[in-house]
């Protein structure tokens, strides 16, 4: 049964915004008291948050589909809908968020670090919010915007100061068990360690973490064995410790050749050339192991490595090793720049950025792309003529019609707003003025027009009859 997962594909869906409400205030002796439709609530976000108590991505391996709640629709009486609840997903420290193409979206390090993986949709405006001096009584409301749908990949890179690397059964788990309080699985067969183990070591005033990475073999950087799956856990470590087996029973292996093979795999993986190295000649409690360690030590030191002889069974050489690693970790921490306070990055738009683009495709279709036009289309109820007229006014004010004319659009040409998989397509009918100016307050509910007194209506009808009679009197027959 799987108990440790360090890479999952997660499908997250933010909540959709609630629809706005088109409502009319009614009370005794005042049946049409004005628009009072409330706004829809905002959809909930999906947020990844680093939680120190979480150490694996196992929960998301079993349940990869996560969705936040939707916003509630608005109601009459100027009552806005309730916002959707954000979905908080705890992730381990050191989680990297990537898209399906492998591009890094976020690197989550540090307790409480958060990343919005999917943005909740906006709530639609009710007709009370759409009312203005020019459009006093809108007979429509805006629809809520659907929430984001994202397919992301979560990768866990262990946050440790020291990484123990080496062949399977080199004694890495034994070392971490005696250097720290960690209790990894230890056995006398290869690939005992199937998941990275973490331990906390105290050496004087320095406290650091040490990771036992599953054993590497030739070809690990290309996917052989378990190496490729767990080499990512070495990336964040400040110090690499080569644990070399001096008591191996395999005739074609020796500590020096083991070191060369592991170094070649680390080189092929990339990005680890600047990490300080320490060599531990392990299992010197075995007589042949002690002799081999003394034989190869001068060669390793000549290469520039700092070499320690140790035995996890006899607890030999552990104190010196622990303090040496603490010294290297302290130097690495001092060399790193201090973490800066949270910065707000402002990226102003270009002065000539219209907020949308018009492109003529090969089939002659004109496609309009842009955050505002696409969102406005999603918010429009196309079963309501007033809402469609309001959309036409907004697009005209944004300059979409002018850009279509510049791009060569003619009457009857097809125009699509939005991406291919979710676009609204219509035949373009150019106008001199937008719908609101042509029809006079398009989107106005004419029921709200104040009734005129009966005497006024009689006078208007009489004036029309007098004008008609005058036109007949002035008519001259042939």
Protein backbone atom coordinates (compact mmCIF):
# COMPACT_ATOMS: atom_id res chain seq x y z
CA UNK A 1 0.00 0.00 0.00
CA UNK A 2 1.35 3.42 -0.96
CA UNK A 3 2.26 5.55 2.08
CA UNK A 4 4.50 8.19 0.52
CA UNK A 5 3.75 10.19 -2.61
CA UNK A 6 5.92 13.07 -3.80
CA UNK A 7 4.35 13.77 -7.21
CA UNK A 8 0.68 14.07 -8.11
CA UNK A 9 -1.48 15.58 -10.83
CA UNK A 10 -4.22 17.68 -9.31
CA UNK A 11 -7.41 18.89 -10.99
CA UNK A 12 -8.75 21.96 -9.21
CA UNK A 13 -11.93 23.92 -9.92
CA UNK A 14 -12.70 27.28 -8.35
CA UNK A 15 -16.26 28.21 -7.50
CA UNK A 16 -18.40 30.07 -10.01
CA UNK A 17 -19.84 33.47 -9.22
CA UNK A 18 -23.53 33.75 -8.42
CA UNK A 19 -25.89 35.38 -10.90
CA UNK A 20 -27.14 38.88 -10.31
CA UNK A 21 -30.84 39.41 -9.71
CA UNK A 22 -33.23 41.48 -11.82
CA UNK A 23 -35.94 42.59 -9.44
CA UNK A 24 -38.38 45.48 -9.00
CA UNK A 25 -39.23 46.98 -5.63
CA UNK A 26 -42.94 46.64 -4.90
CA UNK A 27 -45.06 47.90 -2.05
CA UNK A 28 -48.61 49.09 -1.50
CA UNK A 29 -49.57 52.01 -3.77
CA UNK A 30 -46.10 51.74 -5.36
CA UNK A 31 -45.97 48.65 -7.58
CA UNK A 32 -42.90 49.84 -9.54
CA UNK A 33 -40.61 51.35 -6.96
CA UNK A 34 -37.35 50.95 -8.85
CA UNK A 35 -34.77 48.20 -9.39
CA UNK A 36 -33.63 46.41 -6.24
CA UNK A 37 -31.89 43.25 -7.53
CA UNK A 38 -28.78 42.27 -5.52
CA UNK A 39 -25.39 41.15 -6.77
CA UNK A 40 -24.27 37.53 -6.93
CA UNK A 41 -21.60 36.25 -4.54
CA UNK A 42 -17.99 35.59 -5.52
CA UNK A 43 -16.91 32.01 -6.15
CA UNK A 44 -14.44 30.42 -3.76
CA UNK A 45 -10.71 30.19 -4.59
CA UNK A 46 -8.58 27.05 -4.43
CA UNK A 47 -5.51 27.93 -2.35
CA UNK A 48 -2.41 25.81 -1.67
CA UNK A 49 -0.91 26.54 1.76
CA UNK A 50 2.29 25.11 3.26
CA UNK A 51 1.57 23.16 6.45
CA UNK A 52 4.48 21.82 8.49
CA UNK A 53 2.36 18.92 9.77
CA UNK A 54 1.93 17.56 6.23
CA UNK A 55 4.81 15.49 4.89
CA UNK A 56 3.38 13.76 1.82
CA UNK A 57 1.01 14.32 -1.09
CA UNK A 58 -0.77 11.05 -0.42
CA UNK A 59 -4.21 12.64 0.12
CA UNK A 60 -4.16 14.18 -3.35
CA UNK A 61 -3.01 10.89 -4.88
CA UNK A 62 -6.24 9.28 -3.69
CA UNK A 63 -8.48 12.33 -4.34
CA UNK A 64 -7.04 14.35 -7.25
CA UNK A 65 -10.24 16.31 -7.98
CA UNK A 66 -10.90 19.29 -5.71
CA UNK A 67 -13.54 22.01 -6.07
CA UNK A 68 -14.41 25.16 -4.15
CA UNK A 69 -18.01 26.22 -3.52
CA UNK A 70 -20.01 28.53 -5.79
CA UNK A 71 -21.27 31.96 -4.87
CA UNK A 72 -24.97 32.34 -4.16
CA UNK A 73 -27.21 34.34 -6.54
CA UNK A 74 -28.44 37.78 -5.57
CA UNK A 75 -31.99 38.37 -4.40
CA UNK A 76 -34.55 41.14 -4.46
CA UNK A 77 -34.57 43.82 -1.82
CA UNK A 78 -30.90 44.66 -2.58
CA UNK A 79 -29.73 41.43 -0.95
CA UNK A 80 -26.41 40.23 -2.29
CA UNK A 81 -25.59 36.54 -2.56
CA UNK A 82 -23.17 34.88 -0.16
CA UNK A 83 -19.59 34.44 -1.32
CA UNK A 84 -18.35 30.92 -1.96
CA UNK A 85 -16.00 29.43 0.63
CA UNK A 86 -12.32 29.21 -0.30
CA UNK A 87 -10.88 25.69 -0.44
CA UNK A 88 -7.59 25.49 1.50
CA UNK A 89 -5.34 22.60 0.46
CA UNK A 90 -2.42 21.96 2.84
CA UNK A 91 0.82 20.87 1.15
CA UNK A 92 4.25 19.91 2.52
CA UNK A 93 7.05 22.41 2.83
CA UNK A 94 9.08 22.36 -0.40
CA UNK A 95 6.19 21.71 -2.79
CA UNK A 96 6.67 22.95 -6.36
CA UNK A 97 3.61 23.76 -8.46
CA UNK A 98 3.89 23.18 -12.22
CA UNK A 99 1.53 23.33 -15.18
CA UNK A 100 0.97 20.42 -17.55
CA UNK A 101 3.84 21.63 -19.76
CA UNK A 102 6.30 21.52 -16.84
CA UNK A 103 6.56 25.28 -16.29
CA UNK A 104 7.04 26.26 -12.64
CA UNK A 105 4.10 28.28 -11.32
CA UNK A 106 5.13 28.52 -7.67
CA UNK A 107 7.77 27.22 -5.27
CA UNK A 108 6.20 26.89 -1.82
CA UNK A 109 8.82 27.05 0.91
CA UNK A 110 8.11 28.23 4.45
CA UNK A 111 5.19 27.61 6.77
CA UNK A 112 2.09 29.54 5.73
CA UNK A 113 3.26 30.28 2.17
CA UNK A 114 0.17 30.33 -0.06
CA UNK A 115 -0.58 30.16 -3.76
CA UNK A 116 -3.97 30.63 -5.44
CA UNK A 117 -4.16 27.68 -7.83
CA UNK A 118 -7.61 28.57 -9.19
CA UNK A 119 -9.36 31.95 -9.00
CA UNK A 120 -13.05 32.07 -8.11
CA UNK A 121 -15.42 33.66 -10.60
CA UNK A 122 -16.89 37.13 -10.14
CA UNK A 123 -20.47 37.49 -9.06
CA UNK A 124 -22.86 39.07 -11.55
CA UNK A 125 -24.22 42.56 -10.91
CA UNK A 126 -27.88 42.92 -10.10
CA UNK A 127 -30.07 45.46 -11.89
CA UNK A 128 -29.81 47.83 -8.92
CA UNK A 129 -26.04 48.08 -9.44
CA UNK A 130 -26.50 48.52 -13.20
CA UNK A 131 -28.85 51.47 -12.80
CA UNK A 132 -27.47 54.88 -13.70
CA UNK A 133 -28.71 58.36 -14.60
CA UNK A 134 -28.91 57.25 -18.22
CA UNK A 135 -30.31 53.77 -17.60
CA UNK A 136 -32.59 54.23 -14.61
CA UNK A 137 -34.42 50.93 -14.76
CA UNK A 138 -32.42 48.01 -16.19
CA UNK A 139 -34.61 45.03 -16.93
CA UNK A 140 -31.73 42.57 -16.74
CA UNK A 141 -28.80 41.48 -14.57
CA UNK A 142 -25.36 40.07 -15.29
CA UNK A 143 -24.55 36.38 -14.96
CA UNK A 144 -21.83 35.10 -12.66
CA UNK A 145 -18.43 34.24 -14.18
CA UNK A 146 -17.39 30.55 -14.06
CA UNK A 147 -14.43 29.76 -11.81
CA UNK A 148 -11.02 28.73 -13.15
CA UNK A 149 -10.38 25.10 -14.06
CA UNK A 150 -6.72 24.13 -13.70
CA UNK A 151 -4.72 20.94 -14.14
CA UNK A 152 -1.55 21.30 -12.10
CA UNK A 153 1.29 19.04 -11.00
CA UNK A 154 2.60 19.04 -7.44
CA UNK A 155 6.17 17.89 -6.83
CA UNK A 156 7.66 17.56 -3.36
CA UNK A 157 11.31 18.47 -2.96
CA UNK A 158 12.48 17.67 0.54
CA UNK A 159 13.70 20.69 2.49
CA UNK A 160 16.80 19.38 4.27
CA UNK A 161 20.29 20.72 4.98
CA UNK A 162 22.24 17.51 4.38
CA UNK A 163 21.55 14.65 1.96
CA UNK A 164 23.04 11.18 2.26
CA UNK A 165 23.62 9.65 -1.18
CA UNK A 166 25.13 6.38 -2.22
CA UNK A 167 24.54 2.85 -3.45
CA UNK A 168 21.73 0.71 -2.02
CA UNK A 169 22.73 -0.98 1.27
CA UNK A 170 25.64 1.43 1.79
CA UNK A 171 24.40 2.13 5.31
CA UNK A 172 22.65 5.47 4.82
CA UNK A 173 19.59 4.50 6.86
CA UNK A 174 21.78 3.18 9.65
CA UNK A 175 23.71 6.45 9.78
CA UNK A 176 20.60 8.64 9.95
CA UNK A 177 19.17 6.41 12.68
CA UNK A 178 22.18 6.98 14.95
CA UNK A 179 22.78 10.64 14.05
CA UNK A 180 19.16 11.58 14.72
CA UNK A 181 15.97 10.23 16.25
CA UNK A 182 14.67 9.03 12.88
CA UNK A 183 13.67 5.36 12.69
CA UNK A 184 13.95 4.30 9.04
CA UNK A 185 13.55 0.73 7.86
CA UNK A 186 16.90 -1.12 7.99
CA UNK A 187 17.54 -4.52 6.41
CA UNK A 188 20.33 -6.46 4.70
CA UNK A 189 18.92 -6.32 1.17
CA UNK A 190 19.03 -3.61 -1.53
CA UNK A 191 16.42 -0.88 -1.90
CA UNK A 192 15.27 -1.14 1.70
CA UNK A 193 14.62 2.59 1.66
CA UNK A 194 11.73 3.32 -0.68
CA UNK A 195 11.00 6.87 0.49
CA UNK A 196 13.20 9.73 1.75
CA UNK A 197 13.67 9.78 5.52
CA UNK A 198 14.22 12.98 7.48
CA UNK A 199 16.01 13.39 10.78
CA UNK A 200 16.94 16.34 12.98
CA UNK A 201 20.52 16.54 14.26
CA UNK A 202 21.83 18.78 17.05
CA UNK A 203 25.57 19.48 17.07
CA UNK A 204 26.54 22.15 19.56
CA UNK A 205 24.54 25.30 18.85
CA UNK A 206 23.59 24.18 15.33
CA UNK A 207 20.43 22.25 14.56
CA UNK A 208 20.07 20.88 11.06
CA UNK A 209 18.02 18.33 9.12
CA UNK A 210 19.45 15.34 7.32
CA UNK A 211 17.78 13.34 4.56
CA UNK A 212 18.35 9.71 3.63
CA UNK A 213 17.71 9.44 -0.12
CA UNK A 214 16.90 6.00 -1.63
CA UNK A 215 19.92 4.26 -3.12
CA UNK A 216 21.31 5.30 -6.49
CA UNK A 217 22.61 2.96 -9.17
CA UNK A 218 24.22 3.51 -12.60
CA UNK A 219 21.65 5.09 -14.90
CA UNK A 220 19.61 6.59 -12.06
CA UNK A 221 19.48 9.99 -13.80
CA UNK A 222 17.85 8.26 -16.80
CA UNK A 223 15.24 6.49 -14.69
CA UNK A 224 16.87 3.22 -13.63
CA UNK A 225 16.08 2.00 -10.15
CA UNK A 226 14.48 4.53 -7.82
CA UNK A 227 17.00 7.31 -8.28
CA UNK A 228 15.22 9.55 -10.74
CA UNK A 229 12.07 9.55 -8.61
CA UNK A 230 13.98 10.87 -5.60
CA UNK A 231 16.93 12.84 -6.95
CA UNK A 232 14.68 15.93 -6.77
CA UNK A 233 14.87 15.63 -2.98
CA UNK A 234 18.59 16.40 -3.16
CA UNK A 235 18.13 19.72 -4.97
CA UNK A 236 17.42 21.83 -1.88
CA UNK A 237 20.14 20.31 0.32
CA UNK A 238 23.17 22.46 1.17
CA UNK A 239 25.64 19.59 1.73
CA UNK A 240 25.98 16.22 0.00
CA UNK A 241 27.42 13.26 1.91
CA UNK A 242 28.73 10.29 -0.09
CA UNK A 243 28.19 7.18 2.01
CA UNK A 244 30.59 4.53 0.66
CA UNK A 245 30.38 0.87 1.61
CA UNK A 246 33.81 -0.49 2.59
CA UNK A 247 32.46 -3.97 3.35
CA UNK A 248 30.63 -4.76 0.11
CA UNK A 249 30.68 -8.38 -1.03
CA UNK A 250 30.35 -7.52 -4.72
CA UNK A 251 33.66 -8.17 -6.46
CA UNK A 252 33.16 -5.49 -9.14
CA UNK A 253 32.68 -2.67 -6.64
CA UNK A 254 34.98 -0.58 -4.46
CA UNK A 255 34.52 2.80 -2.66
CA UNK A 256 36.36 4.83 -5.31
CA UNK A 257 34.44 3.42 -8.28
CA UNK A 258 31.17 3.82 -6.34
CA UNK A 259 31.99 7.48 -5.75
CA UNK A 260 32.77 8.06 -9.44
CA UNK A 261 29.51 6.44 -10.56
CA UNK A 262 27.36 8.43 -8.10
CA UNK A 263 29.11 11.69 -9.04
CA UNK A 264 28.45 10.99 -12.72
CA UNK A 265 24.74 10.45 -11.99
CA UNK A 266 24.59 13.71 -10.02
CA UNK A 267 26.31 15.48 -12.90
CA UNK A 268 23.83 14.04 -15.42
CA UNK A 269 20.93 15.15 -13.24
CA UNK A 270 22.39 18.67 -13.11
CA UNK A 271 22.27 21.62 -10.76
CA UNK A 272 24.30 20.08 -7.92
CA UNK A 273 27.85 20.98 -8.89
CA UNK A 274 28.17 23.82 -6.36
CA UNK A 275 27.26 21.78 -3.27
CA UNK A 276 30.11 20.92 -0.86
CA UNK A 277 30.84 17.19 -0.64
CA UNK A 278 31.82 15.01 2.30
CA UNK A 279 32.82 11.35 2.03
CA UNK A 280 31.96 8.83 4.74
CA UNK A 281 33.72 5.46 4.59
CA UNK A 282 31.08 3.38 6.35
CA UNK A 283 31.11 -0.05 8.05
CA UNK A 284 34.66 0.16 9.40
CA UNK A 285 33.54 -2.15 12.23
CA UNK A 286 34.09 -4.97 9.73
CA UNK A 287 37.83 -5.93 9.70
CA UNK A 288 38.09 -5.94 5.90
CA UNK A 289 36.17 -2.67 5.82
CA UNK A 290 38.66 -0.96 8.10
CA UNK A 291 41.57 -2.10 5.96
CA UNK A 292 39.90 -0.96 2.72
CA UNK A 293 39.06 2.43 4.25
CA UNK A 294 42.68 3.04 5.20
CA UNK A 295 43.72 2.01 1.69
CA UNK A 296 41.41 4.35 -0.29
CA UNK A 297 41.43 7.32 2.08
CA UNK A 298 44.64 8.92 0.72
CA UNK A 299 43.29 8.74 -2.85
CA UNK A 300 40.02 10.42 -1.86
CA UNK A 301 41.76 13.16 0.11
CA UNK A 302 44.04 13.78 -2.86
CA UNK A 303 40.91 14.55 -4.88
CA UNK A 304 40.00 17.26 -2.36
CA UNK A 305 37.32 15.41 -0.42
CA UNK A 306 36.99 15.64 3.34
CA UNK A 307 36.92 11.99 4.45
CA UNK A 308 35.47 10.47 7.63
CA UNK A 309 35.57 6.86 8.76
CA UNK A 310 32.44 5.78 10.59
CA UNK A 311 30.45 2.83 11.83
CA UNK A 312 26.75 3.07 12.66
CA UNK A 313 26.93 -0.26 14.48
CA UNK A 314 29.93 0.56 16.69
CA UNK A 315 29.04 4.30 16.88
CA UNK A 316 32.54 5.16 15.70
CA UNK A 317 33.41 8.53 14.16
CA UNK A 318 29.85 9.89 14.46
CA UNK A 319 30.59 12.90 16.67
CA UNK A 320 33.29 14.22 14.37
CA UNK A 321 31.04 13.73 11.36
CA UNK A 322 28.09 15.44 13.03
CA UNK A 323 30.06 18.57 14.00
CA UNK A 324 31.75 18.76 10.60
CA UNK A 325 28.36 18.72 8.87
CA UNK A 326 27.05 21.35 11.31
CA UNK A 327 29.98 23.61 10.42
CA UNK A 328 29.27 23.27 6.68
CA UNK A 329 25.56 23.92 7.20
CA UNK A 330 26.28 27.04 9.27
CA UNK A 331 28.58 28.40 6.56
CA UNK A 332 25.97 27.69 3.88
CA UNK A 333 23.26 29.47 5.87
CA UNK A 334 25.50 32.48 6.44
CA UNK A 335 26.29 32.71 2.73
CA UNK A 336 22.64 32.79 1.73
CA UNK A 337 21.03 36.24 1.52
CA UNK A 338 18.50 37.00 4.20
CA UNK A 339 14.91 36.58 3.20
CA UNK A 340 13.42 39.89 2.13
CA UNK A 341 10.06 41.18 3.23
CA UNK A 342 7.07 40.58 1.04
CA UNK A 343 7.28 42.70 -2.09
CA UNK A 344 4.47 44.00 -4.21
CA UNK A 345 5.38 43.90 -7.89
CA UNK A 346 3.56 46.47 -10.01
CA UNK A 347 3.42 45.78 -13.73
CA UNK A 348 1.64 48.71 -15.41
CA UNK A 349 0.04 48.12 -18.77
CA UNK A 350 1.53 49.66 -21.87
CA UNK A 351 0.02 53.02 -22.82
CA UNK A 352 -1.11 51.59 -26.16
CA UNK A 353 -2.65 48.42 -24.70
CA UNK A 354 -6.31 48.36 -25.74
CA UNK A 355 -7.10 45.35 -23.56
CA UNK A 356 -8.16 43.19 -26.52
CA UNK A 357 -7.04 42.08 -29.96
CA UNK A 358 -8.80 41.36 -33.25
CA UNK A 359 -7.29 38.69 -35.53
CA UNK A 360 -8.54 37.53 -38.91
CA UNK A 361 -8.21 33.78 -39.22
CA UNK A 362 -7.62 31.74 -42.36
CA UNK A 363 -11.29 30.86 -42.80
CA UNK A 364 -12.22 34.56 -42.80
CA UNK A 365 -13.57 34.55 -39.24
CA UNK A 366 -12.63 37.55 -37.09
CA UNK A 367 -11.71 36.51 -33.55
CA UNK A 368 -11.75 38.95 -30.64
CA UNK A 369 -9.56 37.98 -27.67
CA UNK A 370 -9.19 39.86 -24.42
CA UNK A 371 -10.00 39.52 -20.74
CA UNK A 372 -12.80 42.09 -20.74
CA UNK A 373 -14.68 41.08 -23.91
CA UNK A 374 -14.55 37.40 -23.00
CA UNK A 375 -15.74 38.06 -19.46
CA UNK A 376 -18.54 40.33 -20.66
CA UNK A 377 -19.77 37.62 -23.03
CA UNK A 378 -19.84 35.06 -20.21
CA UNK A 379 -21.85 37.50 -18.09
CA UNK A 380 -24.52 38.10 -20.76
CA UNK A 381 -27.93 36.43 -20.76
CA UNK A 382 -28.51 36.08 -24.52
CA UNK A 383 -32.19 35.29 -23.97
CA UNK A 384 -32.69 38.90 -22.81
CA UNK A 385 -32.63 41.53 -25.58
CA UNK A 386 -31.82 44.28 -23.11
CA UNK A 387 -28.78 42.36 -21.85
CA UNK A 388 -27.58 41.82 -25.43
CA UNK A 389 -27.96 45.54 -26.13
CA UNK A 390 -25.98 46.34 -22.99
CA UNK A 391 -23.19 44.02 -24.22
CA UNK A 392 -23.20 45.78 -27.60
CA UNK A 393 -22.80 49.16 -25.87
CA UNK A 394 -19.89 47.92 -23.75
CA UNK A 395 -18.06 46.43 -26.74
CA UNK A 396 -18.58 49.63 -28.74
CA UNK A 397 -17.23 51.83 -25.95
CA UNK A 398 -14.20 49.56 -25.63
CA UNK A 399 -13.44 50.08 -29.31
CA UNK A 400 -14.11 46.58 -30.61
CA UNK A 401 -16.27 47.82 -33.48
CA UNK A 402 -13.64 50.29 -34.64
CA UNK A 403 -10.95 47.59 -34.59
CA UNK A 404 -13.15 45.24 -36.60
CA UNK A 405 -13.56 47.90 -39.27
CA UNK A 406 -9.81 48.51 -39.34
CA UNK A 407 -9.24 44.76 -39.72
CA UNK A 408 -11.42 44.74 -42.81
CA UNK A 409 -14.66 43.30 -41.43
CA UNK A 410 -17.74 43.80 -43.57
CA UNK A 411 -21.46 43.38 -42.98
CA UNK A 412 -22.32 39.71 -42.49
CA UNK A 413 -18.77 38.58 -41.65
CA UNK A 414 -18.48 36.08 -38.82
CA UNK A 415 -17.07 37.41 -35.52
CA UNK A 416 -16.13 35.16 -32.59
CA UNK A 417 -15.42 36.38 -29.08
CA UNK A 418 -13.39 34.03 -26.92
CA UNK A 419 -11.24 30.91 -27.43
CA UNK A 420 -12.16 28.29 -30.01
CA UNK A 421 -13.55 25.79 -27.51
CA UNK A 422 -15.88 28.30 -25.84
CA UNK A 423 -16.60 31.19 -28.20
CA UNK A 424 -19.71 33.15 -29.07
CA UNK A 425 -20.04 33.53 -32.86
CA UNK A 426 -22.34 36.02 -34.58
CA UNK A 427 -22.72 37.81 -37.91
CA UNK A 428 -21.42 41.34 -37.65
CA UNK A 429 -23.77 44.21 -38.39
CA UNK A 430 -21.79 47.48 -38.20
CA UNK A 431 -23.64 50.45 -36.77
CA UNK A 432 -22.93 54.15 -36.75
CA UNK A 433 -23.82 54.32 -33.08
CA UNK A 434 -24.11 51.68 -30.38
CA UNK A 435 -27.45 50.19 -29.51
CA UNK A 436 -28.10 52.43 -26.53
CA UNK A 437 -27.71 55.63 -28.52
CA UNK A 438 -29.82 54.35 -31.44
CA UNK A 439 -32.69 52.97 -29.39
CA UNK A 440 -32.56 55.55 -26.63
CA UNK A 441 -31.51 54.10 -23.27
CA UNK A 442 -31.35 50.50 -24.38
CA UNK A 443 -31.81 48.26 -21.38
CA UNK A 444 -34.45 50.54 -19.86
CA UNK A 445 -37.62 48.95 -18.47
CA UNK A 446 -40.31 51.23 -19.90
CA UNK A 447 -42.80 50.16 -17.27
CA UNK A 448 -41.07 52.62 -14.98
CA UNK A 449 -41.98 55.61 -17.13
CA UNK A 450 -44.24 57.90 -15.10
CA UNK A 451 -47.87 57.86 -16.42
CA UNK A 452 -49.05 61.21 -17.84
CA UNK A 453 -52.32 62.80 -16.65
CA UNK A 454 -55.45 62.12 -18.75
CA UNK A 455 -55.90 65.81 -19.67
CA UNK A 456 -52.36 65.86 -21.07
CA UNK A 457 -53.02 62.79 -23.18
CA UNK A 458 -56.29 64.36 -24.53
CA UNK A 459 -54.45 67.56 -25.47
CA UNK A 460 -51.75 65.57 -27.29
CA UNK A 461 -54.35 63.62 -29.28
CA UNK A 462 -56.17 66.85 -30.20
CA UNK A 463 -52.92 68.42 -31.35
CA UNK A 464 -52.25 65.40 -33.56
CA UNK A 465 -55.74 65.69 -35.13
CA UNK A 466 -55.30 69.43 -35.74
CA UNK A 467 -51.93 68.82 -37.42
CA UNK A 468 -53.46 66.11 -39.61
CA UNK A 469 -56.37 68.38 -40.66
CA UNK A 470 -53.96 71.20 -41.47
CA UNK A 471 -51.93 68.93 -43.72
CA UNK A 472 -55.17 67.88 -45.54
CA UNK A 473 -56.29 71.51 -46.00
CA UNK A 474 -52.93 72.44 -47.52
CA UNK A 475 -53.18 69.59 -50.04
CA UNK A 476 -53.78 70.86 -53.61
CA UNK A 477 -55.36 68.45 -56.11
CA UNK A 478 -54.09 68.14 -59.67
